[in-house]
Amino acid sequence: MRILVLHGPNLNLLGSREQSIYGTTSLDAIDAGLTKLADELTVDVDIRQSNAEGELVTWIQEARSGYDGILINPAAYTHTSVAIRDAVLAVALPTVEVHLSNIQGREAFRHHSHVADVAVGQVSGFGAESYFLGLRGLHAHLTSSRRPRKTSAPVRKKRGR
């Protein structure tokens, strides 16, 4: 199982940026935690960060071949990027959206996510733990969707005489 992990704009500044909102954990520490968790789950993760919307869109499109799912923190693009939403929709890979802060508890313009309605789930408000919860959730989703469905023969009732 391969999962593409994408970090959006300004997340490269984690640990020093608005610590009261985003915490003190660096992006490198989050990536190390994701790599460790992926090993435990026997999942391969490819982790990337970009401040450029077009680069994120390209990576999402390229995920069509070789990846089973996407874990994404679109950051500020959550609230503005129809292009990222359309790319997630177009690739049709199970996607989980994550956010460090509770976007519903912040400024009104952050309450809407363009990605949420095309994602299988969203985790927000747990700081760095949001990423780990998101990866666990995506893994569970992918694992359950890979299980062969049990098919049972139709039940036939015997009629007594």
N, C-alpha and C. Protein backbone atom coordinates (compact mmCIF):
# COMPACT_ATOMS: atom_id res chain seq x y z
N MET A 1 0.85 -1.17 0.00
CA MET A 1 0.00 0.00 0.00
C MET A 1 0.90 1.24 0.00
N ARG A 2 0.61 2.15 -0.90
CA ARG A 2 1.38 3.40 -1.00
C ARG A 2 0.45 4.59 -0.82
N ILE A 3 0.88 5.51 0.02
CA ILE A 3 0.10 6.71 0.30
C ILE A 3 0.96 7.94 0.05
N LEU A 4 0.39 8.89 -0.68
CA LEU A 4 1.04 10.17 -0.93
C LEU A 4 0.60 11.14 0.16
N VAL A 5 1.56 11.73 0.85
CA VAL A 5 1.28 12.72 1.89
C VAL A 5 1.70 14.08 1.36
N LEU A 6 0.75 15.00 1.34
CA LEU A 6 1.03 16.34 0.83
C LEU A 6 0.79 17.40 1.90
N HIS A 7 1.78 18.27 2.06
CA HIS A 7 1.68 19.41 2.96
C HIS A 7 1.62 20.67 2.09
N GLY A 8 0.66 21.53 2.37
CA GLY A 8 0.50 22.74 1.59
C GLY A 8 1.34 23.91 2.09
N PRO A 9 0.95 25.12 1.67
CA PRO A 9 1.76 26.31 1.90
C PRO A 9 1.96 26.66 3.37
N ASN A 10 3.14 27.15 3.65
CA ASN A 10 3.56 27.65 4.96
C ASN A 10 3.77 26.56 6.01
N LEU A 11 3.48 25.32 5.67
CA LEU A 11 3.68 24.25 6.65
C LEU A 11 5.17 23.97 6.86
N ASN A 12 6.00 24.41 5.94
CA ASN A 12 7.45 24.29 6.13
C ASN A 12 7.93 25.17 7.29
N LEU A 13 7.09 26.07 7.76
CA LEU A 13 7.44 26.97 8.87
C LEU A 13 6.94 26.47 10.22
N LEU A 14 6.36 25.28 10.24
CA LEU A 14 5.83 24.75 11.50
C LEU A 14 6.92 24.67 12.56
N GLY A 15 6.52 24.92 13.77
CA GLY A 15 7.45 24.92 14.89
C GLY A 15 7.88 26.32 15.28
N SER A 16 7.86 27.22 14.31
CA SER A 16 8.22 28.61 14.60
C SER A 16 7.10 29.57 14.23
N ARG A 17 6.12 29.11 13.51
CA ARG A 17 5.04 29.96 13.00
C ARG A 17 3.80 29.87 13.90
N GLU A 18 3.34 30.97 14.39
CA GLU A 18 2.10 31.05 15.17
C GLU A 18 1.91 29.82 16.06
N GLN A 19 2.81 29.67 16.99
CA GLN A 19 2.83 28.49 17.84
C GLN A 19 1.56 28.33 18.67
N SER A 20 0.89 29.41 18.98
CA SER A 20 -0.35 29.31 19.76
C SER A 20 -1.46 28.64 18.95
N ILE A 21 -1.35 28.65 17.65
CA ILE A 21 -2.35 28.01 16.78
C ILE A 21 -1.85 26.66 16.28
N TYR A 22 -0.61 26.62 15.81
CA TYR A 22 -0.09 25.43 15.11
C TYR A 22 0.84 24.57 15.96
N GLY A 23 1.18 25.02 17.16
CA GLY A 23 2.03 24.24 18.04
C GLY A 23 3.51 24.43 17.75
N THR A 24 4.32 23.65 18.45
CA THR A 24 5.77 23.79 18.35
C THR A 24 6.43 22.65 17.59
N THR A 25 5.63 21.71 17.12
CA THR A 25 6.18 20.57 16.37
C THR A 25 6.56 21.01 14.96
N SER A 26 7.77 20.67 14.55
CA SER A 26 8.24 21.03 13.21
C SER A 26 7.68 20.06 12.16
N LEU A 27 7.73 20.48 10.92
CA LEU A 27 7.29 19.61 9.83
C LEU A 27 8.18 18.37 9.75
N ASP A 28 9.47 18.54 9.98
CA ASP A 28 10.37 17.38 9.98
C ASP A 28 9.96 16.36 11.03
N ALA A 29 9.55 16.84 12.21
CA ALA A 29 9.11 15.92 13.27
C ALA A 29 7.81 15.22 12.88
N ILE A 30 6.90 15.94 12.25
CA ILE A 30 5.65 15.31 11.78
C ILE A 30 5.98 14.26 10.74
N ASP A 31 6.86 14.59 9.80
CA ASP A 31 7.24 13.63 8.76
C ASP A 31 7.89 12.38 9.36
N ALA A 32 8.74 12.58 10.37
CA ALA A 32 9.38 11.44 11.03
C ALA A 32 8.32 10.57 11.73
N GLY A 33 7.35 11.21 12.36
CA GLY A 33 6.26 10.47 13.00
C GLY A 33 5.41 9.71 12.00
N LEU A 34 5.15 10.34 10.86
CA LEU A 34 4.37 9.66 9.80
C LEU A 34 5.14 8.47 9.25
N THR A 35 6.43 8.63 9.07
CA THR A 35 7.26 7.53 8.55
C THR A 35 7.27 6.37 9.54
N LYS A 36 7.40 6.67 10.81
CA LYS A 36 7.38 5.63 11.85
C LYS A 36 6.03 4.92 11.88
N LEU A 37 4.95 5.68 11.86
CA LEU A 37 3.62 5.07 11.86
C LEU A 37 3.40 4.25 10.61
N ALA A 38 3.84 4.74 9.47
CA ALA A 38 3.70 4.00 8.22
C ALA A 38 4.41 2.65 8.31
N ASP A 39 5.59 2.64 8.92
CA ASP A 39 6.31 1.38 9.11
C ASP A 39 5.48 0.40 9.95
N GLU A 40 4.88 0.92 11.02
CA GLU A 40 4.04 0.08 11.88
C GLU A 40 2.84 -0.48 11.12
N LEU A 41 2.30 0.31 10.22
CA LEU A 41 1.12 -0.10 9.45
C LEU A 41 1.50 -0.87 8.18
N THR A 42 2.78 -1.02 7.95
CA THR A 42 3.33 -1.61 6.72
C THR A 42 2.79 -0.91 5.47
N VAL A 43 2.94 0.39 5.49
CA VAL A 43 2.53 1.26 4.40
C VAL A 43 3.76 2.03 3.93
N ASP A 44 3.87 2.26 2.64
CA ASP A 44 4.91 3.14 2.11
C ASP A 44 4.31 4.54 1.98
N VAL A 45 5.02 5.54 2.50
CA VAL A 45 4.56 6.92 2.35
C VAL A 45 5.58 7.71 1.56
N ASP A 46 5.07 8.57 0.70
CA ASP A 46 5.88 9.52 -0.06
C ASP A 46 5.42 10.88 0.42
N ILE A 47 6.29 11.61 1.12
CA ILE A 47 5.91 12.85 1.79
C ILE A 47 6.51 14.04 1.06
N ARG A 48 5.65 15.02 0.73
CA ARG A 48 6.10 16.20 -0.01
C ARG A 48 5.42 17.46 0.55
N GLN A 49 6.10 18.59 0.41
CA GLN A 49 5.56 19.87 0.80
C GLN A 49 5.80 20.88 -0.31
N SER A 50 4.80 21.73 -0.56
CA SER A 50 4.98 22.81 -1.53
C SER A 50 4.15 24.01 -1.13
N ASN A 51 4.68 25.18 -1.44
CA ASN A 51 3.94 26.41 -1.27
C ASN A 51 3.18 26.77 -2.55
N ALA A 52 3.38 25.99 -3.60
CA ALA A 52 2.82 26.30 -4.92
C ALA A 52 1.60 25.43 -5.22
N GLU A 53 0.49 26.09 -5.47
CA GLU A 53 -0.76 25.39 -5.75
C GLU A 53 -0.62 24.45 -6.96
N GLY A 54 -0.02 24.94 -8.03
CA GLY A 54 0.12 24.13 -9.24
C GLY A 54 0.95 22.88 -9.01
N GLU A 55 1.97 22.98 -8.19
CA GLU A 55 2.80 21.81 -7.90
C GLU A 55 2.00 20.76 -7.13
N LEU A 56 1.19 21.20 -6.17
CA LEU A 56 0.33 20.27 -5.43
C LEU A 56 -0.65 19.59 -6.37
N VAL A 57 -1.25 20.35 -7.28
CA VAL A 57 -2.18 19.78 -8.26
C VAL A 57 -1.47 18.73 -9.12
N THR A 58 -0.28 19.04 -9.58
CA THR A 58 0.49 18.09 -10.40
C THR A 58 0.76 16.81 -9.63
N TRP A 59 1.18 16.93 -8.38
CA TRP A 59 1.45 15.74 -7.57
C TRP A 59 0.20 14.90 -7.36
N ILE A 60 -0.93 15.56 -7.14
CA ILE A 60 -2.20 14.83 -6.98
C ILE A 60 -2.51 14.08 -8.27
N GLN A 61 -2.38 14.73 -9.40
CA GLN A 61 -2.64 14.07 -10.69
C GLN A 61 -1.71 12.88 -10.91
N GLU A 62 -0.44 13.04 -10.57
CA GLU A 62 0.54 11.97 -10.77
C GLU A 62 0.27 10.78 -9.86
N ALA A 63 -0.46 11.00 -8.77
CA ALA A 63 -0.76 9.92 -7.82
C ALA A 63 -1.67 8.86 -8.42
N ARG A 64 -2.29 9.15 -9.55
CA ARG A 64 -3.18 8.18 -10.20
C ARG A 64 -2.48 6.86 -10.45
N SER A 65 -1.19 6.92 -10.76
CA SER A 65 -0.48 5.67 -10.98
C SER A 65 0.52 5.47 -9.85
N GLY A 66 0.34 4.41 -9.13
CA GLY A 66 1.29 4.03 -8.11
C GLY A 66 0.91 4.31 -6.67
N TYR A 67 -0.20 4.98 -6.43
CA TYR A 67 -0.62 5.28 -5.07
C TYR A 67 -2.03 4.74 -4.83
N ASP A 68 -2.28 4.39 -3.56
CA ASP A 68 -3.59 3.87 -3.18
C ASP A 68 -4.46 4.94 -2.53
N GLY A 69 -3.83 5.99 -2.01
CA GLY A 69 -4.58 7.04 -1.33
C GLY A 69 -3.72 8.26 -1.11
N ILE A 70 -4.38 9.33 -0.67
CA ILE A 70 -3.71 10.61 -0.43
C ILE A 70 -4.10 11.12 0.95
N LEU A 71 -3.10 11.56 1.69
CA LEU A 71 -3.29 12.28 2.95
C LEU A 71 -2.82 13.70 2.68
N ILE A 72 -3.71 14.67 2.84
CA ILE A 72 -3.35 16.04 2.44
C ILE A 72 -3.76 17.06 3.49
N ASN A 73 -2.83 17.98 3.73
CA ASN A 73 -3.15 19.20 4.46
C ASN A 73 -2.98 20.32 3.45
N PRO A 74 -4.09 20.74 2.82
CA PRO A 74 -3.99 21.79 1.81
C PRO A 74 -3.67 23.16 2.41
N ALA A 75 -3.68 23.25 3.74
CA ALA A 75 -3.41 24.51 4.44
C ALA A 75 -4.35 25.60 3.91
N ALA A 76 -3.85 26.78 3.64
CA ALA A 76 -4.71 27.89 3.20
C ALA A 76 -5.45 27.58 1.91
N TYR A 77 -4.90 26.68 1.08
CA TYR A 77 -5.60 26.32 -0.16
C TYR A 77 -6.90 25.57 0.10
N THR A 78 -7.08 25.08 1.31
CA THR A 78 -8.33 24.43 1.70
C THR A 78 -9.51 25.33 1.36
N HIS A 79 -9.34 26.60 1.64
CA HIS A 79 -10.44 27.55 1.58
C HIS A 79 -10.54 28.30 0.25
N THR A 80 -9.55 28.09 -0.63
CA THR A 80 -9.51 28.87 -1.86
C THR A 80 -9.36 28.07 -3.14
N SER A 81 -8.87 26.84 -3.05
CA SER A 81 -8.44 26.15 -4.26
C SER A 81 -9.46 25.15 -4.81
N VAL A 82 -10.17 25.60 -5.81
CA VAL A 82 -11.03 24.70 -6.56
C VAL A 82 -10.15 23.75 -7.39
N ALA A 83 -8.97 24.20 -7.78
CA ALA A 83 -8.06 23.37 -8.58
C ALA A 83 -7.61 22.13 -7.80
N ILE A 84 -7.28 22.29 -6.52
CA ILE A 84 -6.90 21.13 -5.71
C ILE A 84 -8.10 20.21 -5.52
N ARG A 85 -9.26 20.77 -5.26
CA ARG A 85 -10.48 19.97 -5.13
C ARG A 85 -10.74 19.17 -6.39
N ASP A 86 -10.66 19.83 -7.54
CA ASP A 86 -10.93 19.15 -8.81
C ASP A 86 -9.90 18.07 -9.10
N ALA A 87 -8.65 18.28 -8.70
CA ALA A 87 -7.61 17.26 -8.90
C ALA A 87 -7.90 16.04 -8.04
N VAL A 88 -8.28 16.25 -6.78
CA VAL A 88 -8.63 15.13 -5.90
C VAL A 88 -9.82 14.38 -6.48
N LEU A 89 -10.80 15.09 -6.95
CA LEU A 89 -11.98 14.46 -7.56
C LEU A 89 -11.59 13.68 -8.82
N ALA A 90 -10.74 14.25 -9.63
CA ALA A 90 -10.36 13.63 -10.91
C ALA A 90 -9.57 12.33 -10.72
N VAL A 91 -8.69 12.27 -9.72
CA VAL A 91 -7.88 11.07 -9.56
C VAL A 91 -8.65 9.94 -8.91
N ALA A 92 -9.72 10.28 -8.23
CA ALA A 92 -10.62 9.28 -7.62
C ALA A 92 -9.88 8.33 -6.66
N LEU A 93 -8.89 8.85 -5.95
CA LEU A 93 -8.21 8.07 -4.92
C LEU A 93 -8.78 8.47 -3.56
N PRO A 94 -8.96 7.50 -2.67
CA PRO A 94 -9.41 7.88 -1.33
C PRO A 94 -8.45 8.90 -0.73
N THR A 95 -9.02 9.99 -0.25
CA THR A 95 -8.23 11.10 0.27
C THR A 95 -8.74 11.50 1.64
N VAL A 96 -7.81 11.73 2.55
CA VAL A 96 -8.16 12.25 3.87
C VAL A 96 -7.52 13.62 4.02
N GLU A 97 -8.32 14.59 4.41
CA GLU A 97 -7.87 15.97 4.63
C GLU A 97 -7.54 16.15 6.11
N VAL A 98 -6.40 16.74 6.39
CA VAL A 98 -6.01 16.98 7.79
C VAL A 98 -5.66 18.44 8.01
N HIS A 99 -5.88 18.88 9.24
CA HIS A 99 -5.52 20.24 9.66
C HIS A 99 -5.05 20.20 11.09
N LEU A 100 -4.04 20.95 11.40
CA LEU A 100 -3.51 21.03 12.75
C LEU A 100 -4.51 21.72 13.68
N SER A 101 -5.08 22.81 13.21
CA SER A 101 -6.03 23.58 14.04
C SER A 101 -7.46 23.17 13.69
N ASN A 102 -8.37 23.53 14.57
CA ASN A 102 -9.78 23.29 14.33
C ASN A 102 -10.30 24.40 13.42
N ILE A 103 -10.39 24.11 12.13
CA ILE A 103 -10.76 25.17 11.18
C ILE A 103 -12.18 25.69 11.42
N GLN A 104 -13.03 24.90 12.06
CA GLN A 104 -14.38 25.37 12.36
C GLN A 104 -14.40 26.35 13.53
N GLY A 105 -13.36 26.34 14.34
CA GLY A 105 -13.29 27.22 15.49
C GLY A 105 -12.49 28.49 15.24
N ARG A 106 -12.13 28.70 14.00
CA ARG A 106 -11.30 29.86 13.66
C ARG A 106 -12.12 30.90 12.89
N GLU A 107 -11.45 31.76 12.16
CA GLU A 107 -12.13 32.83 11.41
C GLU A 107 -13.15 32.21 10.45
N ALA A 108 -14.20 32.96 10.20
CA ALA A 108 -15.30 32.46 9.35
C ALA A 108 -14.83 32.02 7.97
N PHE A 109 -13.85 32.72 7.39
CA PHE A 109 -13.41 32.34 6.04
C PHE A 109 -12.73 30.98 6.02
N ARG A 110 -12.32 30.47 7.18
CA ARG A 110 -11.68 29.15 7.25
C ARG A 110 -12.69 28.02 7.45
N HIS A 111 -13.94 28.33 7.63
CA HIS A 111 -14.93 27.30 7.91
C HIS A 111 -15.26 26.43 6.70
N HIS A 112 -15.09 26.97 5.52
CA HIS A 112 -15.41 26.19 4.31
C HIS A 112 -14.16 25.52 3.75
N SER A 113 -14.31 24.24 3.46
CA SER A 113 -13.23 23.49 2.79
C SER A 113 -13.70 23.08 1.41
N HIS A 114 -12.91 23.39 0.41
CA HIS A 114 -13.22 22.95 -0.95
C HIS A 114 -12.88 21.47 -1.14
N VAL A 115 -12.12 20.89 -0.23
CA VAL A 115 -11.68 19.50 -0.37
C VAL A 115 -12.61 18.53 0.37
N ALA A 116 -13.22 18.96 1.45
CA ALA A 116 -13.96 18.07 2.34
C ALA A 116 -15.00 17.21 1.63
N ASP A 117 -15.71 17.77 0.68
CA ASP A 117 -16.80 16.99 0.06
C ASP A 117 -16.31 15.95 -0.93
N VAL A 118 -15.03 15.96 -1.27
CA VAL A 118 -14.48 14.94 -2.17
C VAL A 118 -13.49 14.03 -1.44
N ALA A 119 -13.37 14.22 -0.13
CA ALA A 119 -12.50 13.39 0.70
C ALA A 119 -13.33 12.34 1.42
N VAL A 120 -12.68 11.24 1.81
CA VAL A 120 -13.40 10.22 2.58
C VAL A 120 -13.50 10.63 4.04
N GLY A 121 -12.67 11.58 4.46
CA GLY A 121 -12.73 12.05 5.83
C GLY A 121 -11.87 13.27 6.05
N GLN A 122 -12.10 13.91 7.20
CA GLN A 122 -11.33 15.10 7.57
C GLN A 122 -11.02 15.01 9.06
N VAL A 123 -9.78 15.29 9.41
CA VAL A 123 -9.35 15.31 10.81
C VAL A 123 -8.76 16.68 11.07
N SER A 124 -9.24 17.37 12.10
CA SER A 124 -8.70 18.70 12.39
C SER A 124 -8.76 18.97 13.88
N GLY A 125 -7.85 19.84 14.31
CA GLY A 125 -7.90 20.34 15.66
C GLY A 125 -7.05 19.60 16.68
N PHE A 126 -6.31 18.60 16.26
CA PHE A 126 -5.51 17.82 17.20
C PHE A 126 -4.01 18.06 17.05
N GLY A 127 -3.64 19.17 16.46
CA GLY A 127 -2.23 19.46 16.25
C GLY A 127 -1.60 18.41 15.36
N ALA A 128 -0.34 18.09 15.63
CA ALA A 128 0.37 17.10 14.81
C ALA A 128 -0.35 15.76 14.81
N GLU A 129 -1.05 15.45 15.88
CA GLU A 129 -1.78 14.18 15.98
C GLU A 129 -2.83 14.04 14.86
N SER A 130 -3.31 15.15 14.32
CA SER A 130 -4.28 15.09 13.22
C SER A 130 -3.72 14.28 12.05
N TYR A 131 -2.43 14.44 11.77
CA TYR A 131 -1.81 13.69 10.68
C TYR A 131 -1.83 12.19 10.97
N PHE A 132 -1.50 11.81 12.22
CA PHE A 132 -1.42 10.40 12.56
C PHE A 132 -2.80 9.75 12.58
N LEU A 133 -3.78 10.49 13.09
CA LEU A 133 -5.16 10.01 13.05
C LEU A 133 -5.63 9.86 11.60
N GLY A 134 -5.26 10.84 10.77
CA GLY A 134 -5.63 10.79 9.36
C GLY A 134 -5.01 9.61 8.64
N LEU A 135 -3.73 9.33 8.92
CA LEU A 135 -3.07 8.19 8.29
C LEU A 135 -3.70 6.88 8.75
N ARG A 136 -3.99 6.78 10.04
CA ARG A 136 -4.66 5.57 10.54
C ARG A 136 -6.03 5.39 9.89
N GLY A 137 -6.77 6.48 9.78
CA GLY A 137 -8.09 6.41 9.17
C GLY A 137 -8.03 6.02 7.70
N LEU A 138 -7.09 6.60 6.97
CA LEU A 138 -6.94 6.27 5.56
C LEU A 138 -6.52 4.81 5.40
N HIS A 139 -5.60 4.36 6.23
CA HIS A 139 -5.17 2.96 6.19
C HIS A 139 -6.35 2.03 6.46
N ALA A 140 -7.14 2.34 7.47
CA ALA A 140 -8.31 1.52 7.79
C ALA A 140 -9.29 1.50 6.62
N HIS A 141 -9.51 2.65 6.01
CA HIS A 141 -10.42 2.73 4.86
C HIS A 141 -9.91 1.88 3.70
N LEU A 142 -8.63 2.03 3.40
CA LEU A 142 -8.05 1.27 2.29
C LEU A 142 -8.04 -0.23 2.58
N THR A 143 -7.74 -0.59 3.80
CA THR A 143 -7.71 -2.00 4.18
C THR A 143 -9.09 -2.62 4.09
N SER A 144 -10.09 -1.91 4.59
CA SER A 144 -11.45 -2.46 4.55
C SER A 144 -12.00 -2.52 3.13
N SER A 145 -11.58 -1.61 2.28
CA SER A 145 -12.08 -1.63 0.90
C SER A 145 -11.38 -2.69 0.07
N ARG A 146 -10.24 -3.21 0.55
CA ARG A 146 -9.52 -4.26 -0.17
C ARG A 146 -9.98 -5.65 0.21
N ARG A 147 -10.65 -5.76 1.34
CA ARG A 147 -11.10 -7.09 1.78
C ARG A 147 -12.12 -7.64 0.80
N PRO A 148 -11.99 -8.91 0.46
CA PRO A 148 -13.01 -9.48 -0.41
C PRO A 148 -14.33 -9.51 0.34
N ARG A 149 -15.34 -9.17 -0.36
CA ARG A 149 -16.66 -9.18 0.26
C ARG A 149 -17.16 -10.61 0.37
N LYS A 150 -17.74 -10.88 1.50
CA LYS A 150 -18.29 -12.22 1.69
C LYS A 150 -19.59 -12.31 0.90
N THR A 151 -19.65 -13.34 0.13
CA THR A 151 -20.90 -13.58 -0.59
C THR A 151 -21.45 -14.88 -0.06
N SER A 152 -22.66 -14.86 0.28
CA SER A 152 -23.26 -16.08 0.80
C SER A 152 -24.31 -16.57 -0.18
N ALA A 153 -24.45 -17.86 -0.18
CA ALA A 153 -25.46 -18.46 -1.05
C ALA A 153 -26.82 -18.06 -0.52
N PRO A 154 -27.79 -17.96 -1.39
CA PRO A 154 -29.12 -17.61 -0.92
C PRO A 154 -29.62 -18.65 0.07
N VAL A 155 -30.29 -18.19 1.06
CA VAL A 155 -30.84 -19.10 2.06
C VAL A 155 -32.09 -19.73 1.48
N ARG A 156 -32.10 -21.06 1.49
CA ARG A 156 -33.29 -21.79 1.00
C ARG A 156 -33.96 -22.45 2.18
N LYS A 157 -35.18 -22.19 2.30
CA LYS A 157 -35.93 -22.79 3.40
C LYS A 157 -36.47 -24.14 2.94
N LYS A 158 -36.31 -25.11 3.82
CA LYS A 158 -36.89 -26.41 3.51
C LYS A 158 -38.31 -26.43 4.04
N ARG A 159 -39.14 -26.96 3.22
CA ARG A 159 -40.53 -27.06 3.66
C ARG A 159 -40.75 -28.45 4.25
N GLY A 160 -41.26 -28.43 5.41
CA GLY A 160 -41.54 -29.71 6.07
C GLY A 160 -42.84 -30.30 5.57
N ARG A 161 -42.95 -31.64 5.65
CA ARG A 161 -44.20 -32.28 5.25
C ARG A 161 -44.89 -32.88 6.39
